[in-house]
Amino acid sequence: MADKLTLAAEHRTEFGKGYARRIRANDKIPAVLYGHGTAPDHIVLPGHETMMALKNPNALLTIDIEGKKTLAVAKDVQRHPIKPYIVHVDLLIVKKGEKITVDVPVHLEGESAPGTIHVLEINSLEVLAEATHLPEYVTVSIEGMEEGDKLLAGDIKLPQGSELEGDPEQLIVHISVPRTAAEEEAAAPEGDVVPGTEEGDGPSESPADDEN
């Protein structure tokens, strides 16, 4: 389960791109804290501590603003596309006992049958869980799975207290055997034409050719 992590924050009194750049230059991150009918609270978070905390998926954070502590989870983390720093964080206020919807990463373990490969179609599940007991990830075993085997979202066992919010028929993992183009052609039913070899696929004559 996600760790309880405390981040000492301060109110943000200025706005604008220039001020935001100065915040980041001082190893701090602009953020907004919202939810439960309260007005959005614009705050500043400590840079390094926040980056470390957000390495934990669905981390339950305690935001300490001048002694006032509020439980929150990160709903949106904007990262710089090139440089290794966080640009902005949206924090959702949560209460003990309530349930919220979060994306939970899917971790695979084990090995499928020899000669097969696995394809992870989606890397997270939409899950409804108690805000103070959010799962960091769900583990899916592919041990011994054979060619053609599939795992759907509804097949995955979720942690106690969590329930699937997305489509239970969503394909998560499937197992196949890699084949060459020649093998694909040999395996095609008789009468099927391999793409690129149909009649008429050769160079076509243009009106200009007829005129010459």
N, C-alpha and C. Protein backbone atom coordinates (compact mmCIF):
# COMPACT_ATOMS: atom_id res chain seq x y z
N MET A 1 0.83 -1.18 0.00
CA MET A 1 0.00 0.00 0.00
C MET A 1 0.88 1.25 0.00
N ALA A 2 0.27 2.35 -0.44
CA ALA A 2 1.03 3.58 -0.54
C ALA A 2 1.43 4.08 0.84
N ASP A 3 2.63 4.65 0.90
CA ASP A 3 3.13 5.17 2.16
C ASP A 3 2.48 6.51 2.47
N LYS A 4 2.40 6.80 3.79
CA LYS A 4 1.97 8.13 4.21
C LYS A 4 3.21 9.01 4.24
N LEU A 5 3.23 10.04 3.43
CA LEU A 5 4.39 10.90 3.32
C LEU A 5 3.97 12.34 3.60
N THR A 6 4.76 13.01 4.41
CA THR A 6 4.44 14.39 4.78
C THR A 6 5.32 15.35 3.99
N LEU A 7 4.67 16.35 3.39
CA LEU A 7 5.37 17.39 2.65
C LEU A 7 5.04 18.74 3.27
N ALA A 8 6.06 19.46 3.70
CA ALA A 8 5.87 20.79 4.26
C ALA A 8 5.66 21.77 3.13
N ALA A 9 4.49 22.39 3.08
CA ALA A 9 4.15 23.32 2.00
C ALA A 9 3.97 24.74 2.54
N GLU A 10 3.93 25.67 1.62
CA GLU A 10 3.67 27.07 1.98
C GLU A 10 2.71 27.66 0.97
N HIS A 11 1.95 28.68 1.40
CA HIS A 11 1.01 29.31 0.49
C HIS A 11 1.76 30.06 -0.60
N ARG A 12 1.20 30.02 -1.78
CA ARG A 12 1.78 30.76 -2.90
C ARG A 12 1.10 32.12 -2.99
N THR A 13 1.88 33.17 -2.91
CA THR A 13 1.32 34.52 -2.86
C THR A 13 1.46 35.27 -4.19
N GLU A 14 2.30 34.77 -5.07
CA GLU A 14 2.47 35.42 -6.38
C GLU A 14 2.19 34.41 -7.48
N PHE A 15 1.91 34.96 -8.67
CA PHE A 15 1.58 34.10 -9.80
C PHE A 15 2.29 34.61 -11.05
N GLY A 16 2.17 33.83 -12.14
CA GLY A 16 2.83 34.21 -13.38
C GLY A 16 4.01 33.29 -13.68
N LYS A 17 4.39 33.24 -14.96
CA LYS A 17 5.46 32.34 -15.39
C LYS A 17 6.80 32.71 -14.75
N GLY A 18 7.06 34.00 -14.62
CA GLY A 18 8.33 34.41 -14.03
C GLY A 18 8.47 33.94 -12.60
N TYR A 19 7.39 34.07 -11.82
CA TYR A 19 7.43 33.63 -10.43
C TYR A 19 7.57 32.11 -10.35
N ALA A 20 6.86 31.41 -11.25
CA ALA A 20 6.95 29.94 -11.26
C ALA A 20 8.38 29.50 -11.58
N ARG A 21 9.04 30.19 -12.51
CA ARG A 21 10.42 29.84 -12.83
C ARG A 21 11.34 30.05 -11.63
N ARG A 22 11.10 31.13 -10.88
CA ARG A 22 11.93 31.40 -9.70
C ARG A 22 11.71 30.32 -8.64
N ILE A 23 10.46 29.87 -8.51
CA ILE A 23 10.14 28.79 -7.56
C ILE A 23 10.96 27.54 -7.91
N ARG A 24 10.92 27.17 -9.18
CA ARG A 24 11.62 25.95 -9.61
C ARG A 24 13.13 26.11 -9.50
N ALA A 25 13.63 27.32 -9.73
CA ALA A 25 15.06 27.56 -9.60
C ALA A 25 15.52 27.36 -8.16
N ASN A 26 14.61 27.52 -7.21
CA ASN A 26 14.91 27.32 -5.79
C ASN A 26 14.52 25.91 -5.32
N ASP A 27 14.41 24.97 -6.26
CA ASP A 27 14.07 23.58 -5.96
C ASP A 27 12.73 23.48 -5.24
N LYS A 28 11.74 24.19 -5.77
CA LYS A 28 10.38 24.09 -5.26
C LYS A 28 9.43 23.89 -6.43
N ILE A 29 8.22 23.40 -6.13
CA ILE A 29 7.26 23.06 -7.17
C ILE A 29 5.93 23.75 -6.90
N PRO A 30 5.39 24.51 -7.85
CA PRO A 30 4.05 25.07 -7.68
C PRO A 30 3.00 23.97 -7.74
N ALA A 31 1.96 24.10 -6.92
CA ALA A 31 0.91 23.08 -6.87
C ALA A 31 -0.41 23.72 -6.50
N VAL A 32 -1.49 22.98 -6.71
CA VAL A 32 -2.81 23.43 -6.28
C VAL A 32 -3.46 22.28 -5.51
N LEU A 33 -4.08 22.61 -4.39
CA LEU A 33 -4.76 21.66 -3.52
C LEU A 33 -6.25 21.95 -3.59
N TYR A 34 -7.05 20.93 -3.96
CA TYR A 34 -8.48 21.19 -4.15
C TYR A 34 -9.30 19.97 -3.74
N GLY A 35 -10.63 20.17 -3.67
CA GLY A 35 -11.54 19.06 -3.38
C GLY A 35 -12.39 19.31 -2.15
N HIS A 36 -13.45 18.48 -2.02
CA HIS A 36 -14.38 18.55 -0.89
C HIS A 36 -14.99 19.94 -0.74
N GLY A 37 -15.28 20.57 -1.86
CA GLY A 37 -15.99 21.83 -1.84
C GLY A 37 -15.18 23.03 -1.40
N THR A 38 -13.89 22.86 -1.20
CA THR A 38 -13.05 23.98 -0.78
C THR A 38 -12.53 24.73 -1.99
N ALA A 39 -12.22 26.01 -1.79
CA ALA A 39 -11.63 26.79 -2.87
C ALA A 39 -10.22 26.27 -3.13
N PRO A 40 -9.78 26.25 -4.39
CA PRO A 40 -8.42 25.79 -4.69
C PRO A 40 -7.39 26.59 -3.90
N ASP A 41 -6.45 25.87 -3.30
CA ASP A 41 -5.40 26.50 -2.49
C ASP A 41 -4.08 26.37 -3.26
N HIS A 42 -3.54 27.48 -3.73
CA HIS A 42 -2.29 27.46 -4.47
C HIS A 42 -1.12 27.45 -3.49
N ILE A 43 -0.30 26.42 -3.63
CA ILE A 43 0.78 26.21 -2.66
C ILE A 43 2.11 25.95 -3.37
N VAL A 44 3.17 25.88 -2.58
CA VAL A 44 4.50 25.57 -3.08
C VAL A 44 5.02 24.37 -2.29
N LEU A 45 5.52 23.36 -3.01
CA LEU A 45 6.02 22.14 -2.39
C LEU A 45 7.54 22.07 -2.48
N PRO A 46 8.18 21.37 -1.55
CA PRO A 46 9.63 21.17 -1.64
C PRO A 46 9.96 20.25 -2.81
N GLY A 47 10.90 20.65 -3.66
CA GLY A 47 11.17 19.94 -4.91
C GLY A 47 11.63 18.51 -4.73
N HIS A 48 12.76 18.31 -4.06
CA HIS A 48 13.34 16.96 -3.95
C HIS A 48 12.40 16.01 -3.21
N GLU A 49 11.86 16.45 -2.08
CA GLU A 49 10.98 15.60 -1.29
C GLU A 49 9.74 15.19 -2.08
N THR A 50 9.20 16.13 -2.86
CA THR A 50 8.01 15.83 -3.65
C THR A 50 8.33 14.82 -4.76
N MET A 51 9.46 15.02 -5.44
CA MET A 51 9.84 14.07 -6.48
C MET A 51 10.03 12.67 -5.92
N MET A 52 10.63 12.55 -4.75
CA MET A 52 10.82 11.24 -4.13
C MET A 52 9.48 10.63 -3.73
N ALA A 53 8.59 11.45 -3.18
CA ALA A 53 7.29 10.94 -2.75
C ALA A 53 6.47 10.43 -3.93
N LEU A 54 6.54 11.14 -5.07
CA LEU A 54 5.71 10.79 -6.21
C LEU A 54 6.28 9.62 -7.02
N LYS A 55 7.41 9.08 -6.58
CA LYS A 55 7.91 7.85 -7.18
C LYS A 55 7.03 6.67 -6.75
N ASN A 56 6.28 6.85 -5.67
CA ASN A 56 5.35 5.82 -5.19
C ASN A 56 3.99 6.04 -5.86
N PRO A 57 3.56 5.14 -6.75
CA PRO A 57 2.26 5.32 -7.40
C PRO A 57 1.13 5.44 -6.38
N ASN A 58 0.26 6.42 -6.59
CA ASN A 58 -0.90 6.64 -5.72
C ASN A 58 -0.50 6.87 -4.26
N ALA A 59 0.61 7.55 -4.06
CA ALA A 59 1.07 7.82 -2.70
C ALA A 59 0.06 8.68 -1.95
N LEU A 60 -0.23 8.30 -0.71
CA LEU A 60 -1.07 9.12 0.16
C LEU A 60 -0.17 10.15 0.84
N LEU A 61 -0.41 11.41 0.57
CA LEU A 61 0.44 12.49 1.06
C LEU A 61 -0.24 13.25 2.18
N THR A 62 0.56 13.67 3.14
CA THR A 62 0.08 14.60 4.16
C THR A 62 0.71 15.96 3.84
N ILE A 63 -0.12 16.90 3.45
CA ILE A 63 0.35 18.24 3.10
C ILE A 63 0.25 19.11 4.35
N ASP A 64 1.39 19.52 4.84
CA ASP A 64 1.46 20.32 6.07
C ASP A 64 1.68 21.78 5.70
N ILE A 65 0.62 22.60 5.82
CA ILE A 65 0.72 24.02 5.51
C ILE A 65 0.65 24.80 6.82
N GLU A 66 1.80 25.21 7.28
CA GLU A 66 1.90 26.01 8.52
C GLU A 66 1.19 25.32 9.68
N GLY A 67 1.38 24.01 9.79
CA GLY A 67 0.81 23.25 10.90
C GLY A 67 -0.54 22.64 10.62
N LYS A 68 -1.21 23.08 9.56
CA LYS A 68 -2.50 22.49 9.19
C LYS A 68 -2.25 21.35 8.22
N LYS A 69 -2.64 20.13 8.61
CA LYS A 69 -2.35 18.96 7.81
C LYS A 69 -3.58 18.47 7.05
N THR A 70 -3.37 18.16 5.78
CA THR A 70 -4.44 17.71 4.90
C THR A 70 -3.98 16.48 4.12
N LEU A 71 -4.81 15.45 4.08
CA LEU A 71 -4.49 14.26 3.28
C LEU A 71 -4.84 14.53 1.82
N ALA A 72 -3.96 14.09 0.92
CA ALA A 72 -4.18 14.33 -0.50
C ALA A 72 -3.47 13.27 -1.33
N VAL A 73 -3.92 13.12 -2.58
CA VAL A 73 -3.23 12.28 -3.56
C VAL A 73 -3.01 13.13 -4.81
N ALA A 74 -1.95 12.82 -5.52
CA ALA A 74 -1.64 13.55 -6.75
C ALA A 74 -2.55 13.04 -7.87
N LYS A 75 -3.33 13.94 -8.46
CA LYS A 75 -4.21 13.57 -9.56
C LYS A 75 -3.59 13.90 -10.91
N ASP A 76 -2.69 14.86 -10.94
CA ASP A 76 -2.02 15.20 -12.19
C ASP A 76 -0.63 15.74 -11.87
N VAL A 77 0.37 15.15 -12.51
CA VAL A 77 1.75 15.58 -12.32
C VAL A 77 2.31 15.98 -13.68
N GLN A 78 2.58 17.27 -13.84
CA GLN A 78 3.13 17.75 -15.11
C GLN A 78 4.65 17.78 -15.01
N ARG A 79 5.29 17.04 -15.89
CA ARG A 79 6.75 16.96 -15.89
C ARG A 79 7.32 17.66 -17.13
N HIS A 80 8.51 18.20 -16.98
CA HIS A 80 9.17 18.83 -18.12
C HIS A 80 9.45 17.75 -19.17
N PRO A 81 9.18 18.04 -20.46
CA PRO A 81 9.36 17.01 -21.48
C PRO A 81 10.80 16.55 -21.68
N ILE A 82 11.75 17.37 -21.27
CA ILE A 82 13.16 17.02 -21.49
C ILE A 82 13.94 16.97 -20.18
N LYS A 83 13.80 18.00 -19.37
CA LYS A 83 14.59 18.10 -18.14
C LYS A 83 13.95 17.30 -17.01
N PRO A 84 14.75 16.79 -16.08
CA PRO A 84 14.22 15.91 -15.02
C PRO A 84 13.64 16.67 -13.83
N TYR A 85 12.58 17.43 -14.06
CA TYR A 85 11.93 18.09 -12.93
C TYR A 85 10.43 18.19 -13.17
N ILE A 86 9.70 18.38 -12.06
CA ILE A 86 8.24 18.49 -12.11
C ILE A 86 7.86 19.95 -12.29
N VAL A 87 6.95 20.21 -13.21
CA VAL A 87 6.51 21.57 -13.51
C VAL A 87 5.38 22.01 -12.58
N HIS A 88 4.42 21.12 -12.32
CA HIS A 88 3.25 21.47 -11.51
C HIS A 88 2.56 20.20 -11.03
N VAL A 89 1.90 20.29 -9.88
CA VAL A 89 1.18 19.14 -9.33
C VAL A 89 -0.23 19.56 -8.92
N ASP A 90 -1.23 18.77 -9.32
CA ASP A 90 -2.60 18.93 -8.85
C ASP A 90 -2.84 17.90 -7.74
N LEU A 91 -3.24 18.37 -6.57
CA LEU A 91 -3.46 17.50 -5.42
C LEU A 91 -4.94 17.47 -5.05
N LEU A 92 -5.49 16.26 -4.94
CA LEU A 92 -6.89 16.10 -4.56
C LEU A 92 -6.99 15.79 -3.08
N ILE A 93 -7.77 16.60 -2.35
CA ILE A 93 -8.00 16.36 -0.92
C ILE A 93 -8.83 15.09 -0.75
N VAL A 94 -8.43 14.23 0.17
CA VAL A 94 -9.18 13.00 0.44
C VAL A 94 -9.43 12.88 1.94
N LYS A 95 -10.44 12.08 2.26
CA LYS A 95 -10.81 11.84 3.66
C LYS A 95 -10.78 10.34 3.94
N LYS A 96 -10.51 10.00 5.18
CA LYS A 96 -10.53 8.58 5.57
C LYS A 96 -11.92 8.01 5.36
N GLY A 97 -11.96 6.82 4.78
CA GLY A 97 -13.23 6.14 4.58
C GLY A 97 -13.85 6.34 3.21
N GLU A 98 -13.49 7.41 2.51
CA GLU A 98 -14.07 7.63 1.19
C GLU A 98 -13.32 6.83 0.13
N LYS A 99 -13.99 6.57 -1.00
CA LYS A 99 -13.36 5.86 -2.10
C LYS A 99 -13.18 6.80 -3.29
N ILE A 100 -12.05 6.63 -3.98
CA ILE A 100 -11.79 7.42 -5.17
C ILE A 100 -11.30 6.50 -6.28
N THR A 101 -11.37 6.98 -7.52
CA THR A 101 -10.92 6.21 -8.66
C THR A 101 -9.49 6.62 -9.04
N VAL A 102 -8.63 5.64 -9.19
CA VAL A 102 -7.23 5.90 -9.55
C VAL A 102 -6.79 4.89 -10.60
N ASP A 103 -5.71 5.23 -11.31
CA ASP A 103 -5.09 4.29 -12.24
C ASP A 103 -3.99 3.54 -11.49
N VAL A 104 -4.06 2.22 -11.53
CA VAL A 104 -3.10 1.39 -10.80
C VAL A 104 -2.23 0.64 -11.81
N PRO A 105 -0.91 0.81 -11.76
CA PRO A 105 -0.02 0.13 -12.70
C PRO A 105 -0.12 -1.39 -12.60
N VAL A 106 0.05 -2.06 -13.75
CA VAL A 106 0.05 -3.51 -13.82
C VAL A 106 1.50 -4.00 -13.89
N HIS A 107 1.88 -4.88 -12.95
CA HIS A 107 3.21 -5.48 -12.94
C HIS A 107 3.09 -6.95 -13.34
N LEU A 108 3.91 -7.39 -14.28
CA LEU A 108 3.90 -8.80 -14.69
C LEU A 108 4.99 -9.57 -13.97
N GLU A 109 4.70 -10.83 -13.65
CA GLU A 109 5.70 -11.69 -13.05
C GLU A 109 5.62 -13.07 -13.68
N GLY A 110 6.73 -13.79 -13.63
CA GLY A 110 6.77 -15.13 -14.20
C GLY A 110 7.13 -15.13 -15.68
N GLU A 111 7.17 -16.31 -16.27
CA GLU A 111 7.54 -16.48 -17.67
C GLU A 111 6.47 -17.32 -18.37
N SER A 112 6.09 -16.90 -19.58
CA SER A 112 5.16 -17.71 -20.36
C SER A 112 5.90 -18.92 -20.92
N ALA A 113 5.18 -19.83 -21.56
CA ALA A 113 5.76 -21.09 -22.06
C ALA A 113 6.94 -20.82 -22.99
N PRO A 114 7.92 -21.72 -23.03
CA PRO A 114 9.08 -21.54 -23.90
C PRO A 114 8.67 -21.31 -25.35
N GLY A 115 9.33 -20.35 -26.01
CA GLY A 115 9.05 -20.06 -27.40
C GLY A 115 7.95 -19.04 -27.62
N THR A 116 7.30 -18.63 -26.52
CA THR A 116 6.22 -17.65 -26.65
C THR A 116 6.69 -16.28 -26.18
N ILE A 117 5.93 -15.28 -26.56
CA ILE A 117 6.15 -13.93 -26.07
C ILE A 117 4.85 -13.40 -25.49
N HIS A 118 4.94 -12.42 -24.59
CA HIS A 118 3.73 -11.81 -24.05
C HIS A 118 3.64 -10.37 -24.52
N VAL A 119 2.43 -9.90 -24.69
CA VAL A 119 2.17 -8.51 -25.06
C VAL A 119 1.27 -7.89 -24.00
N LEU A 120 1.76 -6.84 -23.36
CA LEU A 120 0.97 -6.11 -22.37
C LEU A 120 0.22 -5.02 -23.11
N GLU A 121 -1.09 -5.18 -23.24
CA GLU A 121 -1.89 -4.26 -24.03
C GLU A 121 -2.09 -2.92 -23.33
N ILE A 122 -2.35 -2.94 -22.03
CA ILE A 122 -2.46 -1.71 -21.26
C ILE A 122 -1.66 -1.89 -19.97
N ASN A 123 -1.05 -0.81 -19.50
CA ASN A 123 -0.15 -0.95 -18.35
C ASN A 123 -0.75 -0.46 -17.04
N SER A 124 -2.07 -0.17 -17.03
CA SER A 124 -2.70 0.22 -15.77
C SER A 124 -4.19 -0.12 -15.81
N LEU A 125 -4.77 -0.25 -14.62
CA LEU A 125 -6.19 -0.52 -14.48
C LEU A 125 -6.86 0.64 -13.75
N GLU A 126 -8.09 0.95 -14.14
CA GLU A 126 -8.87 1.96 -13.43
C GLU A 126 -9.58 1.26 -12.27
N VAL A 127 -9.25 1.68 -11.05
CA VAL A 127 -9.71 0.97 -9.86
C VAL A 127 -10.35 1.95 -8.87
N LEU A 128 -11.42 1.50 -8.22
CA LEU A 128 -12.06 2.25 -7.14
C LEU A 128 -11.57 1.67 -5.83
N ALA A 129 -10.98 2.53 -4.98
CA ALA A 129 -10.41 2.03 -3.73
C ALA A 129 -10.51 3.10 -2.65
N GLU A 130 -10.37 2.66 -1.39
CA GLU A 130 -10.40 3.61 -0.29
C GLU A 130 -9.20 4.54 -0.39
N ALA A 131 -9.45 5.82 -0.22
CA ALA A 131 -8.42 6.84 -0.45
C ALA A 131 -7.19 6.66 0.43
N THR A 132 -7.40 6.14 1.62
CA THR A 132 -6.27 5.97 2.53
C THR A 132 -5.62 4.60 2.42
N HIS A 133 -6.10 3.76 1.48
CA HIS A 133 -5.51 2.44 1.25
C HIS A 133 -5.45 2.16 -0.25
N LEU A 134 -4.83 3.07 -0.99
CA LEU A 134 -4.75 2.91 -2.43
C LEU A 134 -3.64 1.91 -2.80
N PRO A 135 -3.94 0.98 -3.70
CA PRO A 135 -2.88 0.05 -4.12
C PRO A 135 -1.85 0.75 -5.00
N GLU A 136 -0.59 0.43 -4.79
CA GLU A 136 0.46 1.01 -5.62
C GLU A 136 0.49 0.34 -6.98
N TYR A 137 0.19 -0.96 -7.02
CA TYR A 137 0.19 -1.70 -8.28
C TYR A 137 -0.57 -3.01 -8.07
N VAL A 138 -0.90 -3.67 -9.19
CA VAL A 138 -1.46 -5.02 -9.12
C VAL A 138 -0.50 -5.95 -9.86
N THR A 139 -0.34 -7.15 -9.34
CA THR A 139 0.59 -8.12 -9.92
C THR A 139 -0.18 -9.16 -10.70
N VAL A 140 0.28 -9.42 -11.93
CA VAL A 140 -0.35 -10.40 -12.80
C VAL A 140 0.69 -11.46 -13.16
N SER A 141 0.39 -12.71 -12.89
CA SER A 141 1.31 -13.80 -13.21
C SER A 141 1.02 -14.35 -14.61
N ILE A 142 2.08 -14.46 -15.42
CA ILE A 142 1.94 -15.08 -16.74
C ILE A 142 2.68 -16.42 -16.77
N GLU A 143 3.03 -16.93 -15.62
CA GLU A 143 3.81 -18.15 -15.50
C GLU A 143 3.13 -19.31 -16.23
N GLY A 144 3.85 -19.90 -17.23
CA GLY A 144 3.36 -21.08 -17.93
C GLY A 144 2.25 -20.84 -18.94
N MET A 145 1.86 -19.60 -19.18
CA MET A 145 0.78 -19.34 -20.14
C MET A 145 1.22 -19.76 -21.54
N GLU A 146 0.28 -20.32 -22.31
CA GLU A 146 0.57 -20.87 -23.64
C GLU A 146 0.10 -19.92 -24.74
N GLU A 147 0.53 -20.24 -25.96
CA GLU A 147 0.11 -19.44 -27.12
C GLU A 147 -1.41 -19.36 -27.18
N GLY A 148 -1.91 -18.16 -27.38
CA GLY A 148 -3.36 -17.96 -27.47
C GLY A 148 -4.02 -17.63 -26.15
N ASP A 149 -3.31 -17.84 -25.03
CA ASP A 149 -3.88 -17.49 -23.72
C ASP A 149 -4.03 -15.98 -23.59
N LYS A 150 -5.07 -15.57 -22.89
CA LYS A 150 -5.33 -14.15 -22.68
C LYS A 150 -5.72 -13.90 -21.23
N LEU A 151 -5.47 -12.71 -20.77
CA LEU A 151 -5.95 -12.26 -19.46
C LEU A 151 -6.73 -10.96 -19.67
N LEU A 152 -7.96 -10.95 -19.18
CA LEU A 152 -8.80 -9.76 -19.26
C LEU A 152 -8.79 -9.03 -17.92
N ALA A 153 -9.21 -7.79 -17.94
CA ALA A 153 -9.22 -6.99 -16.71
C ALA A 153 -10.02 -7.67 -15.62
N GLY A 154 -11.14 -8.28 -15.99
CA GLY A 154 -11.98 -8.94 -15.01
C GLY A 154 -11.38 -10.19 -14.41
N ASP A 155 -10.30 -10.72 -15.03
CA ASP A 155 -9.64 -11.92 -14.51
C ASP A 155 -8.65 -11.60 -13.40
N ILE A 156 -8.28 -10.33 -13.27
CA ILE A 156 -7.20 -9.96 -12.35
C ILE A 156 -7.74 -9.80 -10.93
N LYS A 157 -7.07 -10.44 -10.00
CA LYS A 157 -7.45 -10.35 -8.59
C LYS A 157 -6.92 -9.03 -8.03
N LEU A 158 -7.82 -8.22 -7.52
CA LEU A 158 -7.44 -6.92 -6.98
C LEU A 158 -7.25 -7.02 -5.47
N PRO A 159 -6.48 -6.09 -4.89
CA PRO A 159 -6.32 -6.08 -3.43
C PRO A 159 -7.66 -5.93 -2.72
N GLN A 160 -7.74 -6.45 -1.51
CA GLN A 160 -8.97 -6.35 -0.73
C GLN A 160 -9.38 -4.89 -0.58
N GLY A 161 -10.66 -4.63 -0.80
CA GLY A 161 -11.17 -3.26 -0.68
C GLY A 161 -11.15 -2.49 -1.97
N SER A 162 -10.59 -3.08 -3.03
CA SER A 162 -10.54 -2.42 -4.34
C SER A 162 -11.49 -3.12 -5.30
N GLU A 163 -12.03 -2.36 -6.23
CA GLU A 163 -12.89 -2.95 -7.25
C GLU A 163 -12.62 -2.30 -8.61
N LEU A 164 -12.80 -3.08 -9.66
CA LEU A 164 -12.52 -2.61 -11.01
C LEU A 164 -13.56 -1.59 -11.44
N GLU A 165 -13.09 -0.47 -12.00
CA GLU A 165 -13.99 0.56 -12.50
C GLU A 165 -14.10 0.50 -14.02
N GLY A 166 -13.07 -0.01 -14.70
CA GLY A 166 -13.08 -0.05 -16.15
C GLY A 166 -13.82 -1.26 -16.69
N ASP A 167 -13.66 -1.49 -17.99
CA ASP A 167 -14.32 -2.58 -18.70
C ASP A 167 -13.70 -3.92 -18.30
N PRO A 168 -14.46 -4.87 -17.75
CA PRO A 168 -13.89 -6.16 -17.36
C PRO A 168 -13.44 -6.99 -18.57
N GLU A 169 -13.91 -6.64 -19.78
CA GLU A 169 -13.53 -7.36 -20.99
C GLU A 169 -12.28 -6.77 -21.64
N GLN A 170 -11.71 -5.72 -21.03
CA GLN A 170 -10.51 -5.11 -21.58
C GLN A 170 -9.35 -6.10 -21.58
N LEU A 171 -8.73 -6.31 -22.75
CA LEU A 171 -7.60 -7.22 -22.86
C LEU A 171 -6.37 -6.60 -22.20
N ILE A 172 -5.77 -7.35 -21.28
CA ILE A 172 -4.58 -6.87 -20.57
C ILE A 172 -3.31 -7.50 -21.14
N VAL A 173 -3.29 -8.83 -21.23
CA VAL A 173 -2.11 -9.55 -21.71
C VAL A 173 -2.55 -10.66 -22.65
N HIS A 174 -1.81 -10.87 -23.72
CA HIS A 174 -2.04 -12.07 -24.52
C HIS A 174 -0.70 -12.68 -24.91
N ILE A 175 -0.72 -13.99 -25.13
CA ILE A 175 0.49 -14.76 -25.40
C ILE A 175 0.48 -15.23 -26.85
N SER A 176 1.62 -15.10 -27.51
CA SER A 176 1.72 -15.54 -28.90
C SER A 176 3.11 -16.13 -29.16
N VAL A 177 3.25 -16.71 -30.36
CA VAL A 177 4.55 -17.22 -30.81
C VAL A 177 5.00 -16.35 -31.97
N PRO A 178 6.18 -15.76 -31.90
CA PRO A 178 6.65 -14.93 -33.00
C PRO A 178 6.88 -15.75 -34.25
N ARG A 179 6.44 -15.25 -35.42
CA ARG A 179 6.60 -15.95 -36.68
C ARG A 179 7.22 -15.02 -37.72
N THR A 180 7.95 -15.61 -38.65
CA THR A 180 8.51 -14.85 -39.76
C THR A 180 7.43 -14.65 -40.81
N ALA A 181 7.69 -13.78 -41.78
CA ALA A 181 6.73 -13.53 -42.85
C ALA A 181 6.45 -14.81 -43.63
N ALA A 182 7.51 -15.62 -43.84
CA ALA A 182 7.34 -16.87 -44.59
C ALA A 182 6.43 -17.84 -43.83
N GLU A 183 6.60 -17.88 -42.52
CA GLU A 183 5.76 -18.76 -41.70
C GLU A 183 4.31 -18.28 -41.70
N GLU A 184 4.12 -16.95 -41.68
CA GLU A 184 2.76 -16.41 -41.73
C GLU A 184 2.09 -16.80 -43.04
N GLU A 185 2.86 -16.73 -44.16
CA GLU A 185 2.31 -17.09 -45.47
C GLU A 185 1.94 -18.57 -45.51
N ALA A 186 2.82 -19.42 -44.92
CA ALA A 186 2.56 -20.86 -44.92
C ALA A 186 1.36 -21.20 -44.07
N ALA A 187 1.15 -20.41 -43.01
CA ALA A 187 0.04 -20.69 -42.10
C ALA A 187 -1.29 -20.14 -42.61
N ALA A 188 -1.25 -19.28 -43.65
CA ALA A 188 -2.48 -18.68 -44.15
C ALA A 188 -3.35 -19.76 -44.80
N PRO A 189 -4.68 -19.72 -44.59
CA PRO A 189 -5.57 -20.71 -45.20
C PRO A 189 -5.44 -20.69 -46.72
N GLU A 190 -5.64 -21.87 -47.34
CA GLU A 190 -5.51 -21.97 -48.80
C GLU A 190 -6.49 -21.03 -49.47
N GLY A 191 -6.01 -20.31 -50.46
CA GLY A 191 -6.87 -19.36 -51.16
C GLY A 191 -6.66 -17.94 -50.69
N ASP A 192 -6.13 -17.77 -49.48
CA ASP A 192 -5.83 -16.43 -48.99
C ASP A 192 -4.60 -15.91 -49.72
N VAL A 193 -4.57 -14.62 -49.95
CA VAL A 193 -3.45 -14.01 -50.64
C VAL A 193 -2.65 -13.19 -49.66
N VAL A 194 -1.34 -13.41 -49.62
CA VAL A 194 -0.48 -12.65 -48.73
C VAL A 194 -0.46 -11.20 -49.19
N PRO A 195 -0.63 -10.22 -48.31
CA PRO A 195 -0.64 -8.82 -48.71
C PRO A 195 0.57 -8.46 -49.55
N GLY A 196 0.30 -7.70 -50.64
CA GLY A 196 1.38 -7.27 -51.51
C GLY A 196 1.60 -8.20 -52.69
N THR A 197 0.81 -9.33 -52.74
CA THR A 197 1.00 -10.27 -53.86
C THR A 197 -0.27 -10.42 -54.68
N GLU A 198 -1.33 -9.62 -54.42
CA GLU A 198 -2.56 -9.76 -55.18
C GLU A 198 -2.34 -9.40 -56.65
N GLU A 199 -3.21 -9.97 -57.51
CA GLU A 199 -3.18 -9.59 -58.91
C GLU A 199 -3.45 -8.11 -59.01
N GLY A 200 -2.68 -7.47 -59.84
CA GLY A 200 -2.88 -6.04 -60.01
C GLY A 200 -2.06 -5.21 -59.08
N ASP A 201 -1.26 -5.88 -58.21
CA ASP A 201 -0.44 -5.13 -57.27
C ASP A 201 0.82 -4.59 -57.94
N GLY A 202 1.14 -5.09 -59.15
CA GLY A 202 2.33 -4.62 -59.84
C GLY A 202 2.15 -3.20 -60.31
N PRO A 203 3.19 -2.63 -60.96
CA PRO A 203 3.12 -1.25 -61.43
C PRO A 203 1.96 -1.07 -62.40
N SER A 204 1.17 -0.06 -62.21
CA SER A 204 0.03 0.19 -63.09
C SER A 204 0.43 1.15 -64.18
N GLU A 205 -0.25 1.04 -65.30
CA GLU A 205 0.04 1.94 -66.39
C GLU A 205 -0.72 3.24 -66.21
N SER A 206 -0.07 4.33 -66.46
CA SER A 206 -0.69 5.63 -66.34
C SER A 206 -1.18 6.09 -67.69
N PRO A 207 -2.11 7.04 -67.73
CA PRO A 207 -2.57 7.58 -69.02
C PRO A 207 -1.40 8.05 -69.87
N ALA A 208 -0.34 8.55 -69.24
CA ALA A 208 0.80 9.04 -70.00
C ALA A 208 1.48 7.91 -70.75
N ASP A 209 1.47 6.67 -70.16
CA ASP A 209 2.09 5.55 -70.83
C ASP A 209 1.34 5.20 -72.13
N ASP A 210 -0.01 5.33 -72.10
CA ASP A 210 -0.80 5.02 -73.27
C ASP A 210 -0.53 6.00 -74.41
N GLU A 211 -0.18 7.21 -74.04
CA GLU A 211 0.01 8.23 -75.06
C GLU A 211 1.35 8.11 -75.75
N ASN A 212 2.35 7.43 -75.11
CA ASN A 212 3.68 7.35 -75.69
C ASN A 212 3.78 6.22 -76.72
